[in-house]
Amino acid sequence: MSTAALNMEAQLVSLYEEKELLERELGVSDAERLIAMIRSMEEQLVSLYADKEAEWRSASSPSRSSSETP
């Protein structure tokens, strides 16, 4: 077998090993599904931070001060 064929075979084996690792660890090995998963997680994280910031602003606003009487 030529060196080029051996290199191609090694690359192919490596790609399949990476794909198997992704499938085993994440349950997904398709590039489009992985990208969608990551984007969804990013959106969830942005939303979580926005919610936490809104809570923080609400809790620290002067109108919610514990020193005020009702």
PDB file of N, CA and C in Angstrom:
ATOM      1  N   MET A   1       0.847  -1.178   0.000  1.00  0.00           N
ATOM      2  CA  MET A   1       0.000   0.000   0.000  1.00  0.00           C
ATOM      3  C   MET A   1       0.896   1.245   0.000  1.00  0.00           C
ATOM      4  N   SER A   2       0.520   2.255  -0.765  1.00  0.00           N
ATOM      5  CA  SER A   2       1.341   3.461  -0.870  1.00  0.00           C
ATOM      6  C   SER A   2       1.213   4.312   0.396  1.00  0.00           C
ATOM      7  N   THR A   3       2.168   5.222   0.542  1.00  0.00           N
ATOM      8  CA  THR A   3       2.160   6.122   1.697  1.00  0.00           C
ATOM      9  C   THR A   3       0.901   6.982   1.704  1.00  0.00           C
ATOM     10  N   ALA A   4       0.490   7.462   0.529  1.00  0.00           N
ATOM     11  CA  ALA A   4      -0.717   8.296   0.435  1.00  0.00           C
ATOM     12  C   ALA A   4      -1.945   7.500   0.865  1.00  0.00           C
ATOM     13  N   ALA A   5      -2.032   6.257   0.455  1.00  0.00           N
ATOM     14  CA  ALA A   5      -3.173   5.415   0.834  1.00  0.00           C
ATOM     15  C   ALA A   5      -3.159   5.140   2.334  1.00  0.00           C
ATOM     16  N   LEU A   6      -1.969   4.921   2.897  1.00  0.00           N
ATOM     17  CA  LEU A   6      -1.869   4.704   4.343  1.00  0.00           C
ATOM     18  C   LEU A   6      -2.276   5.953   5.121  1.00  0.00           C
ATOM     19  N   ASN A   7      -1.867   7.114   4.624  1.00  0.00           N
ATOM     20  CA  ASN A   7      -2.245   8.373   5.277  1.00  0.00           C
ATOM     21  C   ASN A   7      -3.756   8.588   5.225  1.00  0.00           C
ATOM     22  N   MET A   8      -4.343   8.297   4.091  1.00  0.00           N
ATOM     23  CA  MET A   8      -5.796   8.445   3.946  1.00  0.00           C
ATOM     24  C   MET A   8      -6.529   7.484   4.875  1.00  0.00           C
ATOM     25  N   GLU A   9      -6.025   6.263   4.963  1.00  0.00           N
ATOM     26  CA  GLU A   9      -6.644   5.278   5.849  1.00  0.00           C
ATOM     27  C   GLU A   9      -6.535   5.725   7.310  1.00  0.00           C
ATOM     28  N   ALA A  10      -5.374   6.241   7.692  1.00  0.00           N
ATOM     29  CA  ALA A  10      -5.171   6.719   9.065  1.00  0.00           C
ATOM     30  C   ALA A  10      -6.121   7.877   9.367  1.00  0.00           C
ATOM     31  N   GLN A  11      -6.288   8.787   8.406  1.00  0.00           N
ATOM     32  CA  GLN A  11      -7.212   9.908   8.592  1.00  0.00           C
ATOM     33  C   GLN A  11      -8.642   9.418   8.740  1.00  0.00           C
ATOM     34  N   LEU A  12      -9.022   8.456   7.932  1.00  0.00           N
ATOM     35  CA  LEU A  12     -10.367   7.901   7.986  1.00  0.00           C
ATOM     36  C   LEU A  12     -10.622   7.215   9.325  1.00  0.00           C
ATOM     37  N   VAL A  13      -9.659   6.443   9.792  1.00  0.00           N
ATOM     38  CA  VAL A  13      -9.781   5.776  11.089  1.00  0.00           C
ATOM     39  C   VAL A  13      -9.917   6.816  12.198  1.00  0.00           C
ATOM     40  N   SER A  14      -9.111   7.862  12.133  1.00  0.00           N
ATOM     41  CA  SER A  14      -9.167   8.926  13.129  1.00  0.00           C
ATOM     42  C   SER A  14     -10.532   9.624  13.131  1.00  0.00           C
ATOM     43  N   LEU A  15     -11.064   9.910  11.950  1.00  0.00           N
ATOM     44  CA  LEU A  15     -12.380  10.549  11.855  1.00  0.00           C
ATOM     45  C   LEU A  15     -13.466   9.669  12.460  1.00  0.00           C
ATOM     46  N   TYR A  16     -13.433   8.382  12.166  1.00  0.00           N
ATOM     47  CA  TYR A  16     -14.425   7.468  12.737  1.00  0.00           C
ATOM     48  C   TYR A  16     -14.275   7.356  14.254  1.00  0.00           C
ATOM     49  N   GLU A  17     -13.051   7.368  14.746  1.00  0.00           N
ATOM     50  CA  GLU A  17     -12.841   7.321  16.198  1.00  0.00           C
ATOM     51  C   GLU A  17     -13.408   8.566  16.867  1.00  0.00           C
ATOM     52  N   GLU A  18     -13.196   9.744  16.263  1.00  0.00           N
ATOM     53  CA  GLU A  18     -13.750  10.985  16.800  1.00  0.00           C
ATOM     54  C   GLU A  18     -15.275  10.951  16.789  1.00  0.00           C
ATOM     55  N   LYS A  19     -15.836  10.465  15.703  1.00  0.00           N
ATOM     56  CA  LYS A  19     -17.290  10.363  15.575  1.00  0.00           C
ATOM     57  C   LYS A  19     -17.863   9.418  16.631  1.00  0.00           C
ATOM     58  N   GLU A  20     -17.206   8.300  16.860  1.00  0.00           N
ATOM     59  CA  GLU A  20     -17.640   7.356  17.887  1.00  0.00           C
ATOM     60  C   GLU A  20     -17.551   7.965  19.284  1.00  0.00           C
ATOM     61  N   LEU A  21     -16.499   8.725  19.541  1.00  0.00           N
ATOM     62  CA  LEU A  21     -16.342   9.396  20.835  1.00  0.00           C
ATOM     63  C   LEU A  21     -17.476  10.391  21.064  1.00  0.00           C
ATOM     64  N   LEU A  22     -17.773  11.197  20.069  1.00  0.00           N
ATOM     65  CA  LEU A  22     -18.871  12.159  20.186  1.00  0.00           C
ATOM     66  C   LEU A  22     -20.196  11.445  20.437  1.00  0.00           C
ATOM     67  N   GLU A  23     -20.432  10.383  19.721  1.00  0.00           N
ATOM     68  CA  GLU A  23     -21.679   9.629  19.890  1.00  0.00           C
ATOM     69  C   GLU A  23     -21.757   9.018  21.288  1.00  0.00           C
ATOM     70  N   ARG A  24     -20.657   8.470  21.740  1.00  0.00           N
ATOM     71  CA  ARG A  24     -20.631   7.828  23.053  1.00  0.00           C
ATOM     72  C   ARG A  24     -20.800   8.854  24.182  1.00  0.00           C
ATOM     73  N   GLU A  25     -20.114   9.975  24.095  1.00  0.00           N
ATOM     74  CA  GLU A  25     -20.125  10.969  25.177  1.00  0.00           C
ATOM     75  C   GLU A  25     -21.331  11.897  25.138  1.00  0.00           C
ATOM     76  N   LEU A  26     -21.782  12.251  23.937  1.00  0.00           N
ATOM     77  CA  LEU A  26     -22.856  13.243  23.809  1.00  0.00           C
ATOM     78  C   LEU A  26     -24.140  12.689  23.224  1.00  0.00           C
ATOM     79  N   GLY A  27     -24.066  11.487  22.678  1.00  0.00           N
ATOM     80  CA  GLY A  27     -25.240  10.906  22.041  1.00  0.00           C
ATOM     81  C   GLY A  27     -25.518  11.498  20.670  1.00  0.00           C
ATOM     82  N   VAL A  28     -24.577  12.279  20.159  1.00  0.00           N
ATOM     83  CA  VAL A  28     -24.719  12.942  18.858  1.00  0.00           C
ATOM     84  C   VAL A  28     -23.355  12.965  18.186  1.00  0.00           C
ATOM     85  N   SER A  29     -23.327  12.649  16.900  1.00  0.00           N
ATOM     86  CA  SER A  29     -22.060  12.744  16.173  1.00  0.00           C
ATOM     87  C   SER A  29     -22.217  13.489  14.850  1.00  0.00           C
ATOM     88  N   ASP A  30     -23.442  13.848  14.502  1.00  0.00           N
ATOM     89  CA  ASP A  30     -23.715  14.588  13.279  1.00  0.00           C
ATOM     90  C   ASP A  30     -23.368  16.067  13.499  1.00  0.00           C
ATOM     91  N   ALA A  31     -22.594  16.649  12.600  1.00  0.00           N
ATOM     92  CA  ALA A  31     -22.118  18.027  12.760  1.00  0.00           C
ATOM     93  C   ALA A  31     -23.269  19.026  12.893  1.00  0.00           C
ATOM     94  N   GLU A  32     -24.289  18.903  12.081  1.00  0.00           N
ATOM     95  CA  GLU A  32     -25.404  19.849  12.140  1.00  0.00           C
ATOM     96  C   GLU A  32     -26.148  19.753  13.465  1.00  0.00           C
ATOM     97  N   ARG A  33     -26.337  18.542  13.979  1.00  0.00           N
ATOM     98  CA  ARG A  33     -27.004  18.368  15.264  1.00  0.00           C
ATOM     99  C   ARG A  33     -26.150  18.897  16.407  1.00  0.00           C
ATOM    100  N   LEU A  34     -24.835  18.712  16.323  1.00  0.00           N
ATOM    101  CA  LEU A  34     -23.938  19.244  17.348  1.00  0.00           C
ATOM    102  C   LEU A  34     -23.971  20.768  17.374  1.00  0.00           C
ATOM    103  N   ILE A  35     -23.949  21.373  16.196  1.00  0.00           N
ATOM    104  CA  ILE A  35     -24.004  22.831  16.110  1.00  0.00           C
ATOM    105  C   ILE A  35     -25.317  23.341  16.682  1.00  0.00           C
ATOM    106  N   ALA A  36     -26.424  22.688  16.343  1.00  0.00           N
ATOM    107  CA  ALA A  36     -27.732  23.085  16.876  1.00  0.00           C
ATOM    108  C   ALA A  36     -27.761  22.944  18.392  1.00  0.00           C
ATOM    109  N   MET A  37     -27.172  21.865  18.908  1.00  0.00           N
ATOM    110  CA  MET A  37     -27.130  21.643  20.351  1.00  0.00           C
ATOM    111  C   MET A  37     -26.348  22.756  21.054  1.00  0.00           C
ATOM    112  N   ILE A  38     -25.203  23.101  20.513  1.00  0.00           N
ATOM    113  CA  ILE A  38     -24.367  24.138  21.115  1.00  0.00           C
ATOM    114  C   ILE A  38     -25.065  25.486  21.057  1.00  0.00           C
ATOM    115  N   ARG A  39     -25.676  25.810  19.936  1.00  0.00           N
ATOM    116  CA  ARG A  39     -26.393  27.091  19.831  1.00  0.00           C
ATOM    117  C   ARG A  39     -27.555  27.154  20.813  1.00  0.00           C
ATOM    118  N   SER A  40     -28.259  26.057  20.978  1.00  0.00           N
ATOM    119  CA  SER A  40     -29.359  26.003  21.938  1.00  0.00           C
ATOM    120  C   SER A  40     -28.842  26.229  23.358  1.00  0.00           C
ATOM    121  N   MET A  41     -27.717  25.605  23.680  1.00  0.00           N
ATOM    122  CA  MET A  41     -27.128  25.782  25.004  1.00  0.00           C
ATOM    123  C   MET A  41     -26.677  27.222  25.212  1.00  0.00           C
ATOM    124  N   GLU A  42     -26.134  27.853  24.169  1.00  0.00           N
ATOM    125  CA  GLU A  42     -25.742  29.260  24.262  1.00  0.00           C
ATOM    126  C   GLU A  42     -26.953  30.143  24.539  1.00  0.00           C
ATOM    127  N   GLU A  43     -28.052  29.894  23.826  1.00  0.00           N
ATOM    128  CA  GLU A  43     -29.270  30.668  24.025  1.00  0.00           C
ATOM    129  C   GLU A  43     -29.800  30.496  25.446  1.00  0.00           C
ATOM    130  N   GLN A  44     -29.766  29.269  25.952  1.00  0.00           N
ATOM    131  CA  GLN A  44     -30.221  29.012  27.315  1.00  0.00           C
ATOM    132  C   GLN A  44     -29.347  29.735  28.327  1.00  0.00           C
ATOM    133  N   LEU A  45     -28.046  29.755  28.101  1.00  0.00           N
ATOM    134  CA  LEU A  45     -27.125  30.421  29.006  1.00  0.00           C
ATOM    135  C   LEU A  45     -27.347  31.928  29.003  1.00  0.00           C
ATOM    136  N   VAL A  46     -27.519  32.505  27.828  1.00  0.00           N
ATOM    137  CA  VAL A  46     -27.797  33.944  27.730  1.00  0.00           C
ATOM    138  C   VAL A  46     -29.085  34.275  28.473  1.00  0.00           C
ATOM    139  N   SER A  47     -30.105  33.447  28.294  1.00  0.00           N
ATOM    140  CA  SER A  47     -31.382  33.647  28.972  1.00  0.00           C
ATOM    141  C   SER A  47     -31.225  33.541  30.487  1.00  0.00           C
ATOM    142  N   LEU A  48     -30.462  32.561  30.943  1.00  0.00           N
ATOM    143  CA  LEU A  48     -30.225  32.383  32.372  1.00  0.00           C
ATOM    144  C   LEU A  48     -29.537  33.608  32.962  1.00  0.00           C
ATOM    145  N   TYR A  49     -28.491  34.093  32.278  1.00  0.00           N
ATOM    146  CA  TYR A  49     -27.793  35.283  32.764  1.00  0.00           C
ATOM    147  C   TYR A  49     -28.708  36.502  32.773  1.00  0.00           C
ATOM    148  N   ALA A  50     -29.546  36.637  31.767  1.00  0.00           N
ATOM    149  CA  ALA A  50     -30.480  37.770  31.724  1.00  0.00           C
ATOM    150  C   ALA A  50     -31.461  37.681  32.887  1.00  0.00           C
ATOM    151  N   ASP A  51     -31.965  36.497  33.165  1.00  0.00           N
ATOM    152  CA  ASP A  51     -32.875  36.310  34.299  1.00  0.00           C
ATOM    153  C   ASP A  51     -32.192  36.639  35.613  1.00  0.00           C
ATOM    154  N   LYS A  52     -30.967  36.149  35.791  1.00  0.00           N
ATOM    155  CA  LYS A  52     -30.223  36.420  37.029  1.00  0.00           C
ATOM    156  C   LYS A  52     -29.936  37.909  37.180  1.00  0.00           C
ATOM    157  N   GLU A  53     -29.593  38.572  36.082  1.00  0.00           N
ATOM    158  CA  GLU A  53     -29.332  40.015  36.152  1.00  0.00           C
ATOM    159  C   GLU A  53     -30.608  40.767  36.505  1.00  0.00           C
ATOM    160  N   ALA A  54     -31.737  40.365  35.931  1.00  0.00           N
ATOM    161  CA  ALA A  54     -33.013  41.008  36.243  1.00  0.00           C
ATOM    162  C   ALA A  54     -33.362  40.810  37.712  1.00  0.00           C
ATOM    163  N   GLU A  55     -33.124  39.611  38.238  1.00  0.00           N
ATOM    164  CA  GLU A  55     -33.369  39.356  39.661  1.00  0.00           C
ATOM    165  C   GLU A  55     -32.488  40.245  40.519  1.00  0.00           C
ATOM    166  N   TRP A  56     -31.221  40.354  40.157  1.00  0.00           N
ATOM    167  CA  TRP A  56     -30.280  41.161  40.921  1.00  0.00           C
ATOM    168  C   TRP A  56     -30.693  42.626  40.908  1.00  0.00           C
ATOM    169  N   ARG A  57     -31.072  43.125  39.718  1.00  0.00           N
ATOM    170  CA  ARG A  57     -31.498  44.521  39.623  1.00  0.00           C
ATOM    171  C   ARG A  57     -32.762  44.761  40.423  1.00  0.00           C
ATOM    172  N   SER A  58     -33.674  43.826  40.385  1.00  0.00           N
ATOM    173  CA  SER A  58     -34.928  43.937  41.120  1.00  0.00           C
ATOM    174  C   SER A  58     -34.668  43.947  42.626  1.00  0.00           C
ATOM    175  N   ALA A  59     -33.788  43.087  43.081  1.00  0.00           N
ATOM    176  CA  ALA A  59     -33.489  42.985  44.504  1.00  0.00           C
ATOM    177  C   ALA A  59     -32.711  44.183  45.019  1.00  0.00           C
ATOM    178  N   SER A  60     -31.944  44.820  44.165  1.00  0.00           N
ATOM    179  CA  SER A  60     -31.115  45.939  44.617  1.00  0.00           C
ATOM    180  C   SER A  60     -31.716  47.297  44.284  1.00  0.00           C
ATOM    181  N   SER A  61     -32.918  47.325  43.731  1.00  0.00           N
ATOM    182  CA  SER A  61     -33.534  48.611  43.390  1.00  0.00           C
ATOM    183  C   SER A  61     -34.015  49.315  44.649  1.00  0.00           C
ATOM    184  N   PRO A  62     -33.961  50.665  44.698  1.00  0.00           N
ATOM    185  CA  PRO A  62     -34.367  51.421  45.884  1.00  0.00           C
ATOM    186  C   PRO A  62     -35.827  51.199  46.270  1.00  0.00           C
ATOM    187  N   SER A  63     -36.698  50.932  45.330  1.00  0.00           N
ATOM    188  CA  SER A  63     -38.112  50.758  45.653  1.00  0.00           C
ATOM    189  C   SER A  63     -38.365  49.480  46.435  1.00  0.00           C
ATOM    190  N   ARG A  64     -37.385  48.557  46.467  1.00  0.00           N
ATOM    191  CA  ARG A  64     -37.552  47.291  47.183  1.00  0.00           C
ATOM    192  C   ARG A  64     -36.731  47.282  48.477  1.00  0.00           C
ATOM    193  N   SER A  65     -36.304  48.449  48.912  1.00  0.00           N
ATOM    194  CA  SER A  65     -35.453  48.539  50.096  1.00  0.00           C
ATOM    195  C   SER A  65     -36.182  48.025  51.326  1.00  0.00           C
ATOM    196  N   SER A  66     -35.472  47.296  52.177  1.00  0.00           N
ATOM    197  CA  SER A  66     -36.084  46.742  53.380  1.00  0.00           C
ATOM    198  C   SER A  66     -36.250  47.806  54.454  1.00  0.00           C
ATOM    199  N   SER A  67     -35.643  48.976  54.280  1.00  0.00           N
ATOM    200  CA  SER A  67     -35.755  50.035  55.296  1.00  0.00           C
ATOM    201  C   SER A  67     -37.039  50.851  55.117  1.00  0.00           C
ATOM    202  N   GLU A  68     -37.734  50.672  53.991  1.00  0.00           N
ATOM    203  CA  GLU A  68     -38.978  51.404  53.771  1.00  0.00           C
ATOM    204  C   GLU A  68     -40.113  50.741  54.538  1.00  0.00           C
ATOM    205  N   THR A  69     -41.073  51.573  54.963  1.00  0.00           N
ATOM    206  CA  THR A  69     -42.254  51.035  55.628  1.00  0.00           C
ATOM    207  C   THR A  69     -43.383  50.947  54.621  1.00  0.00           C
ATOM    208  N   PRO A  70     -44.250  49.933  54.733  1.00  0.00           N
ATOM    209  CA  PRO A  70     -45.337  49.768  53.755  1.00  0.00           C
ATOM    210  C   PRO A  70     -46.397  50.817  53.866  1.00  0.00           C
TER     211      PRO A  70
END
